[in-house]
Amino acid sequence: MSWSDRFSEVARDIQSSEIRELLKLLADPEILSFAGGIPDPALFPTADFQRIAGDIAADPDRNRDALQYAPTEGYVPLRQWAMDHAGAPVLELSIDNVLVTNGAQQGLTLLAGALIDKDTPIAVAQPTYLGALQVFATHQPKFVTVATDDDGLQLDALETALQSGVRFLYTIPDFQNPGGFSQSEARRTAIVALAHRYGVPILEDTAYRDLYYDAPPPPSLLQLEARLLAAKGGAGEWNKDGLVVQLGTASKTLMPALRIGWVIAPEVLVEKLVVLKQADDLNTSSLNQMLAHDLASQVLDRHVVTLRQTYGERRDVMVETLRRHLPNDAHFSAPKGGMFVWLTLPDGMDAGALLELAVAQEKIAFVPGAAFHANGGGENTLRLSFSTCQPDDIKRGMERLCGLIRKEMK
């Protein structure tokens, strides 16, 4: 009997993440990897984690609750914290607008299950987060790609997509993965206005919002929707008129192993997501939710200061080295936050082939950019992550990469 003959159509079509495969290179100490968009484990708030875990274990009532099943919706204090962290009090949110998920990735999975039928048109940036494309692809939608520039989604292209009848728009406004760009306030305001003009929901992924290195990002799309509805005199009617669904995560700022994310959405959508989550995993770990809440409420504000300082220095080294050594025929983003630099090679150069040479000859790794393009293209692009490498390693690695690019251009 062949198991491959028993696979569903979706299982036959789905492909392994290129990023997950490349992360295996991290096991080789000789490879200097700029591939994984992951936090530096040396920066995890380990001492605070151990203290908080001990406090929970020492409290009989909390310890009992931490080891038990929990409501599907999530730990109430954590839901309250996520609601407050969204910073949109005028919307009159309640915890009924918040669902705790196993990372933002499960939030995407549940939203895909709630919103996508086969051949449903959905709008995504070109390029966009590979993990979202993988989730959406399991429901076999029709991807409608929206062109981007250094300021994010191009408004003309977005309006064309919205006019075409897409079910929703998925976007990362802050320090986008993989492009590194952050949308301006003017463009964000226009995006929200267009969504309301055409009645198209927006899935706003805020994974990198707290990781800014120059200045805080503009208001979130959720906050700008609050402003739009308030101007119309109806901000309190968000459960009826709101179109922005916000996804958040503790993975990039606290620690991925907690697997804590959340979705903020109108109540009718949250209710449907809860039913889908019940069918998926019943509930997110009670212990992890308690740990995440206590870390977020007690530690996060001071911890992100350290992250911004450390990652900001690494960003600066990568950008400065590329400016000094990258050939003029190639160009790159200079992100104001997040974890990524997006590099565009000269026309005709293939990043996949370059990766093979980079690993074999220079012992460096990155992610070829084609994987982030829903409908093909991007073969001459690549993503670099600076989050896990020390400044000296970043400088050395970028010098090697630029030298290899220069050599392959000849």
Protein backbone atom coordinates (compact mmCIF):
# COMPACT_ATOMS: atom_id res chain seq x y z
CA MET A 1 0.00 0.00 0.00
CA SER A 2 1.31 3.44 -0.94
CA TRP A 3 0.47 6.22 1.50
CA SER A 4 1.10 8.81 -1.20
CA ASP A 5 -1.91 7.42 -3.07
CA ARG A 6 -4.10 8.14 -0.03
CA PHE A 7 -3.13 11.79 0.37
CA SER A 8 -5.78 14.47 -0.12
CA GLU A 9 -5.49 16.95 -2.96
CA VAL A 10 -4.28 19.60 -0.52
CA ALA A 11 -1.67 17.29 1.03
CA ARG A 12 -0.36 16.35 -2.41
CA ASP A 13 0.03 19.99 -3.41
CA ILE A 14 1.47 21.49 -0.24
CA GLN A 15 5.23 22.04 -0.16
CA SER A 16 7.66 22.27 2.72
CA SER A 17 8.64 25.76 3.79
CA GLU A 18 11.96 26.80 2.29
CA ILE A 19 12.68 28.67 5.50
CA ARG A 20 12.07 25.58 7.66
CA GLU A 21 14.44 23.62 5.44
CA LEU A 22 17.08 26.33 5.56
CA LEU A 23 16.89 26.49 9.35
CA LYS A 24 18.49 23.05 9.34
CA LEU A 25 21.65 24.84 8.26
CA LEU A 26 21.81 26.39 11.72
CA ALA A 27 22.97 23.00 12.99
CA ASP A 28 26.20 23.41 10.97
CA PRO A 29 28.50 25.63 13.04
CA GLU A 30 30.47 26.57 9.93
CA ILE A 31 27.44 28.17 8.24
CA LEU A 32 26.78 31.82 9.04
CA SER A 33 23.02 31.95 8.65
CA PHE A 34 20.99 35.03 7.79
CA ALA A 35 18.05 32.81 6.85
CA GLY A 36 15.89 32.39 9.94
CA GLY A 37 13.59 35.22 10.97
CA ILE A 38 13.82 34.17 14.59
CA PRO A 39 14.64 35.99 17.84
CA ASP A 40 18.06 35.65 19.44
CA PRO A 41 17.72 33.08 22.27
CA ALA A 42 20.49 34.87 24.16
CA LEU A 43 18.03 37.74 24.65
CA PHE A 44 15.13 35.70 26.05
CA PRO A 45 14.04 36.98 29.51
CA THR A 46 15.09 33.68 31.06
CA ALA A 47 15.52 34.85 34.65
CA ASP A 48 12.09 36.49 34.67
CA PHE A 49 10.60 33.38 33.08
CA GLN A 50 12.06 31.15 35.80
CA ARG A 51 10.90 33.51 38.57
CA ILE A 52 7.35 33.71 37.22
CA ALA A 53 7.16 29.95 36.64
CA GLY A 54 8.24 29.44 40.25
CA ASP A 55 5.63 31.88 41.52
CA ILE A 56 2.87 30.05 39.64
CA ALA A 57 4.06 26.66 40.89
CA ALA A 58 4.18 27.93 44.47
CA ASP A 59 0.58 29.18 44.40
CA PRO A 60 -1.73 26.15 44.84
CA ASP A 61 -4.72 27.77 43.15
CA ARG A 62 -2.81 29.15 40.18
CA ASN A 63 -0.78 25.96 39.81
CA ARG A 64 -3.95 23.86 39.71
CA ASP A 65 -5.47 26.13 37.04
CA ALA A 66 -2.22 26.19 35.07
CA LEU A 67 -2.25 22.41 34.70
CA GLN A 68 -5.93 22.10 33.77
CA TYR A 69 -7.91 22.52 30.56
CA ALA A 70 -8.92 26.13 29.93
CA PRO A 71 -11.74 27.93 28.11
CA THR A 72 -11.16 27.92 24.36
CA GLU A 73 -11.31 31.71 24.27
CA GLY A 74 -8.26 31.97 26.50
CA TYR A 75 -7.03 33.15 29.90
CA VAL A 76 -9.06 36.22 30.82
CA PRO A 77 -6.17 38.39 32.12
CA LEU A 78 -4.18 37.69 28.94
CA ARG A 79 -7.15 38.60 26.76
CA GLN A 80 -7.55 41.83 28.72
CA TRP A 81 -3.85 42.60 28.28
CA ALA A 82 -4.02 41.98 24.50
CA MET A 83 -7.07 44.22 24.23
CA ASP A 84 -5.30 47.04 26.10
CA HIS A 85 -2.10 46.52 24.10
CA ALA A 86 -4.02 47.14 20.87
CA GLY A 87 -4.40 50.76 21.97
CA ALA A 88 -7.84 51.48 20.51
CA PRO A 89 -10.04 52.36 23.53
CA VAL A 90 -12.49 54.35 21.41
CA LEU A 91 -13.66 51.07 19.84
CA GLU A 92 -15.01 49.95 23.23
CA LEU A 93 -13.45 46.51 22.85
CA SER A 94 -14.15 43.78 25.37
CA ILE A 95 -12.49 40.44 26.03
CA ASP A 96 -15.20 38.95 23.81
CA ASN A 97 -13.26 40.52 20.92
CA VAL A 98 -10.10 38.57 21.80
CA LEU A 99 -9.21 34.93 21.13
CA VAL A 100 -5.90 33.49 22.38
CA THR A 101 -4.24 31.20 19.83
CA ASN A 102 -1.21 28.93 19.58
CA GLY A 103 0.93 31.64 18.05
CA ALA A 104 -0.25 34.04 15.37
CA GLN A 105 0.17 31.14 12.94
CA GLN A 106 -2.87 29.41 14.41
CA GLY A 107 -4.74 32.69 14.15
CA LEU A 108 -4.04 32.68 10.43
CA THR A 109 -5.12 29.03 10.21
CA LEU A 110 -8.44 29.70 11.94
CA LEU A 111 -9.12 32.81 9.87
CA ALA A 112 -8.38 30.89 6.69
CA GLY A 113 -10.85 28.22 7.77
CA ALA A 114 -13.48 30.84 8.49
CA LEU A 115 -13.04 32.96 5.36
CA ILE A 116 -11.63 30.95 2.44
CA ASP A 117 -13.43 28.55 0.13
CA LYS A 118 -11.80 26.90 -2.85
CA ASP A 119 -11.06 29.49 -5.57
CA THR A 120 -11.90 32.37 -3.22
CA PRO A 121 -9.92 35.45 -4.35
CA ILE A 122 -7.79 36.92 -1.55
CA ALA A 123 -5.37 39.85 -1.74
CA VAL A 124 -1.78 39.59 -0.51
CA ALA A 125 1.27 41.78 -0.93
CA GLN A 126 3.93 40.90 -3.49
CA PRO A 127 6.03 39.75 -1.61
CA THR A 128 4.50 38.61 1.68
CA TYR A 129 5.02 36.27 4.64
CA LEU A 130 5.57 32.70 3.45
CA GLY A 131 3.83 31.18 6.48
CA ALA A 132 0.61 33.00 5.60
CA LEU A 133 0.81 31.83 1.99
CA GLN A 134 1.22 28.23 3.17
CA VAL A 135 -1.81 28.45 5.45
CA PHE A 136 -4.00 30.10 2.85
CA ALA A 137 -2.89 27.66 0.15
CA THR A 138 -4.34 24.71 2.08
CA HIS A 139 -7.79 26.13 1.22
CA GLN A 140 -6.89 26.55 -2.47
CA PRO A 141 -7.79 30.22 -2.94
CA LYS A 142 -7.03 32.43 -5.90
CA PHE A 143 -4.20 34.75 -4.88
CA VAL A 144 -4.53 38.33 -6.07
CA THR A 145 -1.15 39.97 -5.57
CA VAL A 146 -0.71 43.66 -4.79
CA ALA A 147 2.49 45.39 -5.89
CA THR A 148 4.64 47.04 -3.23
CA ASP A 149 7.32 49.69 -3.04
CA ASP A 150 9.49 51.03 -0.22
CA ASP A 151 6.33 52.46 1.42
CA GLY A 152 4.34 49.23 1.31
CA LEU A 153 1.23 48.41 -0.69
CA GLN A 154 0.78 50.53 -3.80
CA LEU A 155 -2.64 52.15 -3.56
CA ASP A 156 -3.59 51.91 -7.24
CA ALA A 157 -2.81 48.20 -7.27
CA LEU A 158 -4.66 47.72 -4.00
CA GLU A 159 -7.79 49.45 -5.25
CA THR A 160 -7.76 47.28 -8.36
CA ALA A 161 -7.59 44.19 -6.15
CA LEU A 162 -10.39 45.38 -3.88
CA GLN A 163 -12.56 46.24 -6.88
CA SER A 164 -12.13 42.68 -8.15
CA GLY A 165 -14.09 41.30 -5.21
CA VAL A 166 -11.41 39.75 -2.99
CA ARG A 167 -12.67 38.17 0.24
CA PHE A 168 -10.02 39.93 2.36
CA LEU A 169 -6.62 41.64 2.33
CA TYR A 170 -3.73 40.21 4.36
CA THR A 171 -1.01 42.73 5.21
CA ILE A 172 1.90 43.37 7.60
CA PRO A 173 2.06 47.18 7.95
CA ASP A 174 5.03 47.32 10.34
CA PHE A 175 8.52 46.31 9.16
CA GLN A 176 7.11 43.69 6.84
CA ASN A 177 8.33 40.12 6.53
CA PRO A 178 10.08 39.80 4.11
CA GLY A 179 10.27 43.27 2.57
CA GLY A 180 11.29 45.22 5.67
CA PHE A 181 9.14 48.20 4.70
CA SER A 182 6.73 50.01 7.01
CA GLN A 183 3.67 51.72 5.57
CA SER A 184 3.38 55.46 6.17
CA GLU A 185 0.46 56.85 8.14
CA ALA A 186 -0.94 58.47 5.01
CA ARG A 187 -0.89 55.20 3.14
CA ARG A 188 -2.35 53.29 6.09
CA THR A 189 -5.18 55.79 6.31
CA ALA A 190 -5.84 55.36 2.60
CA ILE A 191 -5.79 51.55 2.92
CA VAL A 192 -8.42 51.61 5.67
CA ALA A 193 -10.55 54.06 3.69
CA LEU A 194 -10.37 51.86 0.59
CA ALA A 195 -11.31 48.79 2.60
CA HIS A 196 -14.42 50.56 3.87
CA ARG A 197 -15.27 51.91 0.41
CA TYR A 198 -15.32 48.37 -1.02
CA GLY A 199 -16.38 46.49 2.11
CA VAL A 200 -13.28 44.27 2.24
CA PRO A 201 -11.92 43.01 5.59
CA ILE A 202 -8.23 43.47 6.42
CA LEU A 203 -6.16 40.90 8.32
CA GLU A 204 -3.51 43.06 10.01
CA ASP A 205 -0.48 41.08 11.19
CA THR A 206 1.37 43.04 13.90
CA ALA A 207 4.14 40.52 14.65
CA TYR A 208 6.97 43.08 14.45
CA ARG A 209 5.18 46.23 15.63
CA ASP A 210 7.09 46.58 18.92
CA LEU A 211 10.50 46.07 17.27
CA TYR A 212 11.21 49.60 16.04
CA TYR A 213 14.71 51.08 16.04
CA ASP A 214 14.31 54.67 14.90
CA ALA A 215 10.85 55.82 15.99
CA PRO A 216 7.55 54.14 16.83
CA PRO A 217 5.55 53.09 13.78
CA PRO A 218 2.43 55.01 12.73
CA PRO A 219 -0.94 54.06 14.22
CA SER A 220 -2.02 50.52 13.47
CA LEU A 221 -4.74 49.86 10.92
CA LEU A 222 -7.04 48.99 13.82
CA GLN A 223 -6.33 52.34 15.46
CA LEU A 224 -6.89 54.16 12.17
CA GLU A 225 -10.18 52.33 11.68
CA ALA A 226 -11.18 53.59 15.12
CA ARG A 227 -10.37 57.12 13.96
CA LEU A 228 -12.39 56.63 10.76
CA LEU A 229 -15.43 55.28 12.60
CA ALA A 230 -15.19 57.98 15.28
CA ALA A 231 -15.24 60.65 12.56
CA LYS A 232 -18.50 59.10 11.36
CA GLY A 233 -19.84 59.05 14.90
CA GLY A 234 -19.89 55.29 15.19
CA ALA A 235 -16.69 53.99 16.77
CA GLY A 236 -18.72 52.17 19.39
CA GLU A 237 -20.37 50.17 16.59
CA TRP A 238 -17.13 48.39 15.66
CA ASN A 239 -18.64 44.95 16.27
CA LYS A 240 -21.08 45.75 13.46
CA ASP A 241 -19.02 47.96 11.14
CA GLY A 242 -15.40 46.97 11.83
CA LEU A 243 -13.35 45.47 9.02
CA VAL A 244 -9.85 45.30 10.55
CA VAL A 245 -8.94 41.99 12.21
CA GLN A 246 -5.67 42.21 14.12
CA LEU A 247 -3.26 39.35 14.80
CA GLY A 248 -0.63 39.57 17.53
CA THR A 249 2.11 37.33 18.92
CA ALA A 250 4.47 37.04 21.86
CA SER A 251 6.98 35.01 19.84
CA LYS A 252 9.10 37.87 18.51
CA THR A 253 9.30 39.87 21.75
CA LEU A 254 9.17 37.27 24.54
CA MET A 255 9.87 33.71 23.40
CA PRO A 256 8.51 31.48 20.63
CA ALA A 257 8.18 28.36 22.81
CA LEU A 258 5.24 29.90 24.66
CA ARG A 259 3.25 29.60 21.40
CA ILE A 260 1.04 32.51 22.40
CA GLY A 261 -0.76 34.66 19.87
CA TRP A 262 -4.12 36.37 19.68
CA VAL A 263 -6.79 37.58 17.30
CA ILE A 264 -8.79 40.75 17.88
CA ALA A 265 -11.98 40.78 15.80
CA PRO A 266 -15.69 41.64 15.88
CA GLU A 267 -17.59 39.29 18.17
CA VAL A 268 -19.40 37.37 15.43
CA LEU A 269 -16.08 36.41 13.85
CA VAL A 270 -14.48 35.53 17.20
CA GLU A 271 -17.40 33.24 17.95
CA LYS A 272 -16.80 31.35 14.71
CA LEU A 273 -13.04 31.18 15.33
CA VAL A 274 -13.70 29.73 18.79
CA VAL A 275 -15.73 26.89 17.28
CA LEU A 276 -12.97 26.21 14.75
CA LYS A 277 -10.34 26.21 17.51
CA GLN A 278 -12.42 23.79 19.57
CA ALA A 279 -12.29 21.42 16.61
CA ASP A 280 -8.56 21.97 16.25
CA ASP A 281 -6.97 21.83 19.70
CA LEU A 282 -9.62 22.64 22.34
CA ASN A 283 -7.51 25.31 24.06
CA THR A 284 -4.07 26.87 24.29
CA SER A 285 -1.89 25.71 27.19
CA SER A 286 -3.16 27.26 30.43
CA LEU A 287 0.35 27.35 31.89
CA ASN A 288 1.80 29.08 28.83
CA GLN A 289 -1.00 31.64 28.85
CA MET A 290 -0.31 32.48 32.50
CA LEU A 291 3.42 32.72 31.83
CA ALA A 292 2.84 34.94 28.81
CA HIS A 293 0.47 37.23 30.70
CA ASP A 294 2.82 37.70 33.64
CA LEU A 295 5.82 38.24 31.37
CA ALA A 296 3.90 40.69 29.18
CA SER A 297 2.49 42.68 32.07
CA GLN A 298 5.62 42.67 34.26
CA VAL A 299 8.58 42.47 31.87
CA LEU A 300 7.74 43.37 28.27
CA ASP A 301 8.04 47.16 28.48
CA ARG A 302 11.64 47.05 29.72
CA HIS A 303 12.56 43.95 27.73
CA VAL A 304 11.72 45.49 24.36
CA VAL A 305 14.09 48.35 25.16
CA THR A 306 16.93 45.81 25.19
CA LEU A 307 15.65 44.20 21.98
CA ARG A 308 15.47 47.54 20.19
CA GLN A 309 18.99 48.47 21.23
CA THR A 310 20.52 45.10 20.30
CA TYR A 311 18.64 44.44 17.07
CA GLY A 312 18.98 48.09 16.07
CA GLU A 313 22.76 47.84 16.28
CA ARG A 314 22.73 44.68 14.17
CA ARG A 315 20.44 46.33 11.62
CA ASP A 316 22.81 49.29 11.40
CA VAL A 317 25.82 47.06 10.74
CA MET A 318 24.04 45.12 8.00
CA VAL A 319 22.74 48.25 6.27
CA GLU A 320 26.05 50.09 6.47
CA THR A 321 28.05 47.12 5.16
CA LEU A 322 25.67 46.64 2.24
CA ARG A 323 25.87 50.35 1.44
CA ARG A 324 29.64 50.13 1.33
CA HIS A 325 30.05 46.91 -0.63
CA LEU A 326 26.90 46.04 -2.62
CA PRO A 327 27.28 46.61 -6.38
CA ASN A 328 25.28 49.51 -7.78
CA ASP A 329 23.15 47.21 -9.93
CA ALA A 330 21.68 45.64 -6.78
CA HIS A 331 19.66 47.45 -4.14
CA PHE A 332 18.15 46.74 -0.73
CA SER A 333 15.67 48.01 1.86
CA ALA A 334 16.86 49.91 4.92
CA PRO A 335 14.23 48.84 7.47
CA LYS A 336 13.22 51.00 10.40
CA GLY A 337 12.43 47.95 12.52
CA GLY A 338 11.71 44.23 12.43
CA MET A 339 14.28 41.59 11.53
CA PHE A 340 14.74 41.74 7.76
CA VAL A 341 16.58 43.37 4.89
CA TRP A 342 15.18 42.70 1.41
CA LEU A 343 17.76 42.61 -1.36
CA THR A 344 17.08 42.79 -5.09
CA LEU A 345 19.77 41.38 -7.35
CA PRO A 346 20.46 42.59 -10.90
CA ASP A 347 17.97 41.41 -13.50
CA GLY A 348 18.66 37.87 -14.63
CA MET A 349 20.50 36.80 -11.49
CA ASP A 350 18.86 33.91 -9.65
CA ALA A 351 18.90 33.99 -5.85
CA GLY A 352 18.40 30.22 -5.61
CA ALA A 353 21.54 29.56 -7.62
CA LEU A 354 23.35 32.24 -5.63
CA LEU A 355 22.38 30.51 -2.38
CA GLU A 356 24.00 27.26 -3.52
CA LEU A 357 27.23 29.12 -4.23
CA ALA A 358 26.98 31.12 -1.00
CA VAL A 359 26.67 27.97 1.13
CA ALA A 360 29.35 26.03 -0.75
CA GLN A 361 31.91 28.79 -1.24
CA GLU A 362 31.29 31.41 1.45
CA LYS A 363 29.55 29.39 4.19
CA ILE A 364 26.66 31.85 4.42
CA ALA A 365 22.91 31.30 4.02
CA PHE A 366 19.86 33.44 3.24
CA VAL A 367 16.32 32.86 1.94
CA PRO A 368 15.69 33.20 -1.81
CA GLY A 369 12.82 35.61 -2.37
CA ALA A 370 10.73 33.61 -4.84
CA ALA A 371 9.13 31.72 -1.94
CA PHE A 372 7.44 34.94 -0.78
CA HIS A 373 5.67 35.54 -4.11
CA ALA A 374 2.22 33.97 -4.26
CA ASN A 375 1.94 33.80 -8.04
CA GLY A 376 5.58 33.36 -9.04
CA GLY A 377 8.35 35.83 -9.70
CA GLY A 378 10.96 37.31 -7.42
CA GLU A 379 13.73 34.98 -8.57
CA ASN A 380 16.25 37.82 -8.29
CA THR A 381 15.32 38.71 -4.70
CA LEU A 382 16.40 37.42 -1.30
CA ARG A 383 15.73 37.99 2.39
CA LEU A 384 18.42 38.59 4.99
CA SER A 385 17.78 38.42 8.73
CA PHE A 386 20.06 40.20 11.19
CA SER A 387 18.38 39.15 14.45
CA THR A 388 20.57 36.22 15.54
CA CYS A 389 24.05 37.26 14.37
CA GLN A 390 26.65 39.31 16.19
CA PRO A 391 27.74 42.60 14.55
CA ASP A 392 31.18 41.32 13.54
CA ASP A 393 29.62 38.23 11.94
CA ILE A 394 27.10 40.39 10.10
CA LYS A 395 29.86 42.59 8.73
CA ARG A 396 31.94 39.62 7.63
CA GLY A 397 28.95 37.82 6.13
CA MET A 398 27.72 40.83 4.16
CA GLU A 399 31.20 41.46 2.80
CA ARG A 400 31.33 37.84 1.59
CA LEU A 401 27.86 38.07 0.07
CA CYS A 402 28.59 41.32 -1.74
CA GLY A 403 31.86 39.90 -3.05
CA LEU A 404 30.03 36.84 -4.37
CA ILE A 405 27.37 38.98 -6.05
CA ARG A 406 30.03 41.11 -7.65
CA LYS A 407 31.86 38.01 -8.86
CA GLU A 408 28.67 36.47 -10.37
CA MET A 409 27.86 39.71 -12.20
CA LYS A 410 31.02 39.49 -14.28
